[in-house]
Amino acid sequence: MEEPEMQLKGKKVTDKFTESVYVLANEPSVALYRLQEHVRRSLPELAQHKADMQRWEEQSQGAIYTVEYACSAVKSLVDSGVHFRSVEGLLRQAISIRDHMNAAQGHR
């Protein structure tokens, strides 16, 4: 056989071999195996992320409750300003009456 003919036959054989390897590499069962391999590697990390997110959500809910409770307490304090002013006025009156009584006792 001549060399060009031999090269042509060699090329045909390598092309057929490459095509066979390509078909085998892309066979659905191989793809599913690769997918299973990927899931097995990434699943623990994804599960950890999910657990972290749930823990952060619980912590956030607790913080939100605390902030809402604090806001409610501040609003109650602001709303009770009227009562504080009333108590302040009554204390001023009591001090004034005490001063008058002390002044009256001092004149006796």
Protein backbone atom coordinates (compact mmCIF):
# COMPACT_ATOMS: atom_id res chain seq x y z
CA MET A 1 0.00 0.00 0.00
CA GLU A 2 1.06 3.45 -0.72
CA GLU A 3 1.55 6.06 1.96
CA PRO A 4 -1.30 8.44 0.91
CA GLU A 5 -3.71 5.50 0.86
CA MET A 6 -2.47 4.41 4.27
CA GLN A 7 -2.91 7.93 5.64
CA LEU A 8 -6.46 8.03 4.27
CA LYS A 9 -7.33 4.71 5.93
CA GLY A 10 -5.68 5.84 9.18
CA LYS A 11 -7.68 9.06 9.10
CA LYS A 12 -10.91 7.13 8.52
CA VAL A 13 -10.14 4.83 11.45
CA THR A 14 -9.29 7.73 13.77
CA ASP A 15 -12.39 9.64 12.65
CA LYS A 16 -14.61 6.60 13.36
CA PHE A 17 -12.89 6.08 16.71
CA THR A 18 -13.34 9.77 17.62
CA GLU A 19 -17.00 9.62 16.64
CA SER A 20 -17.51 6.48 18.75
CA VAL A 21 -15.84 8.10 21.77
CA TYR A 22 -17.94 11.24 21.28
CA VAL A 23 -21.16 9.19 21.14
CA LEU A 24 -20.19 7.24 24.25
CA ALA A 25 -19.21 10.41 26.11
CA ASN A 26 -22.55 11.98 25.32
CA GLU A 27 -24.68 8.94 25.98
CA PRO A 28 -27.62 9.76 28.30
CA SER A 29 -26.50 7.31 30.99
CA VAL A 30 -23.11 9.02 31.14
CA ALA A 31 -24.82 12.39 31.34
CA LEU A 32 -27.03 11.16 34.17
CA TYR A 33 -23.97 9.77 35.95
CA ARG A 34 -22.27 13.15 35.65
CA LEU A 35 -25.41 14.87 36.92
CA GLN A 36 -25.62 12.49 39.89
CA GLU A 37 -21.94 13.10 40.59
CA HIS A 38 -22.50 16.86 40.56
CA VAL A 39 -25.54 16.63 42.85
CA ARG A 40 -23.66 14.40 45.30
CA ARG A 41 -20.83 16.92 45.47
CA SER A 42 -22.94 20.07 45.73
CA LEU A 43 -25.86 18.82 47.86
CA PRO A 44 -24.13 19.03 51.27
CA GLU A 45 -23.09 22.62 50.61
CA LEU A 46 -26.60 23.52 49.43
CA ALA A 47 -28.11 21.87 52.51
CA GLN A 48 -25.75 23.87 54.73
CA HIS A 49 -26.74 27.09 52.95
CA LYS A 50 -30.41 26.24 53.47
CA ALA A 51 -29.86 25.59 57.18
CA ASP A 52 -27.90 28.86 57.48
CA MET A 53 -30.67 30.78 55.73
CA GLN A 54 -33.32 29.28 58.02
CA ARG A 55 -31.25 30.18 61.09
CA TRP A 56 -30.74 33.73 59.80
CA GLU A 57 -34.46 34.01 59.10
CA GLU A 58 -35.27 32.96 62.67
CA GLN A 59 -32.76 35.47 64.04
CA SER A 60 -34.18 38.16 61.78
CA GLN A 61 -37.71 37.41 62.92
CA GLY A 62 -36.54 37.73 66.54
CA ALA A 63 -34.83 41.02 65.78
CA ILE A 64 -37.90 42.32 63.94
CA TYR A 65 -40.09 41.42 66.92
CA THR A 66 -37.67 43.21 69.27
CA VAL A 67 -37.63 46.33 67.11
CA GLU A 68 -41.41 46.37 66.77
CA TYR A 69 -41.76 45.97 70.54
CA ALA A 70 -39.29 48.82 71.14
CA CYS A 71 -41.15 51.05 68.64
CA SER A 72 -44.40 50.27 70.41
CA ALA A 73 -42.84 51.20 73.76
CA VAL A 74 -41.50 54.49 72.37
CA LYS A 75 -44.89 55.30 70.84
CA SER A 76 -46.53 54.60 74.20
CA LEU A 77 -44.06 56.96 75.88
CA VAL A 78 -44.76 59.66 73.30
CA ASP A 79 -48.51 59.18 73.72
CA SER A 80 -48.16 59.39 77.50
CA GLY A 81 -46.60 62.87 77.23
CA VAL A 82 -50.00 64.32 78.07
CA HIS A 83 -50.03 62.41 81.33
CA PHE A 84 -46.47 63.45 82.18
CA ARG A 85 -47.37 67.10 81.57
CA SER A 86 -50.42 66.68 83.82
CA VAL A 87 -48.26 65.16 86.57
CA GLU A 88 -45.72 67.97 86.09
CA GLY A 89 -48.49 70.56 86.51
CA LEU A 90 -49.79 68.84 89.63
CA LEU A 91 -46.24 68.72 91.08
CA ARG A 92 -45.81 72.43 90.38
CA GLN A 93 -49.11 73.12 92.15
CA ALA A 94 -48.02 70.99 95.11
CA ILE A 95 -44.70 72.83 95.34
CA SER A 96 -46.51 76.16 95.14
CA ILE A 97 -48.93 75.13 97.91
CA ARG A 98 -46.02 73.89 100.04
CA ASP A 99 -44.21 77.22 99.55
CA HIS A 100 -47.39 79.10 100.54
CA MET A 101 -47.81 76.91 103.59
CA ASN A 102 -44.16 77.43 104.59
CA ALA A 103 -44.54 81.15 104.08
CA ALA A 104 -47.72 81.15 106.19
CA GLN A 105 -46.00 79.24 108.98
CA GLY A 106 -43.05 81.65 108.82
CA HIS A 107 -45.36 84.62 109.41
CA ARG A 108 -46.84 83.08 112.56
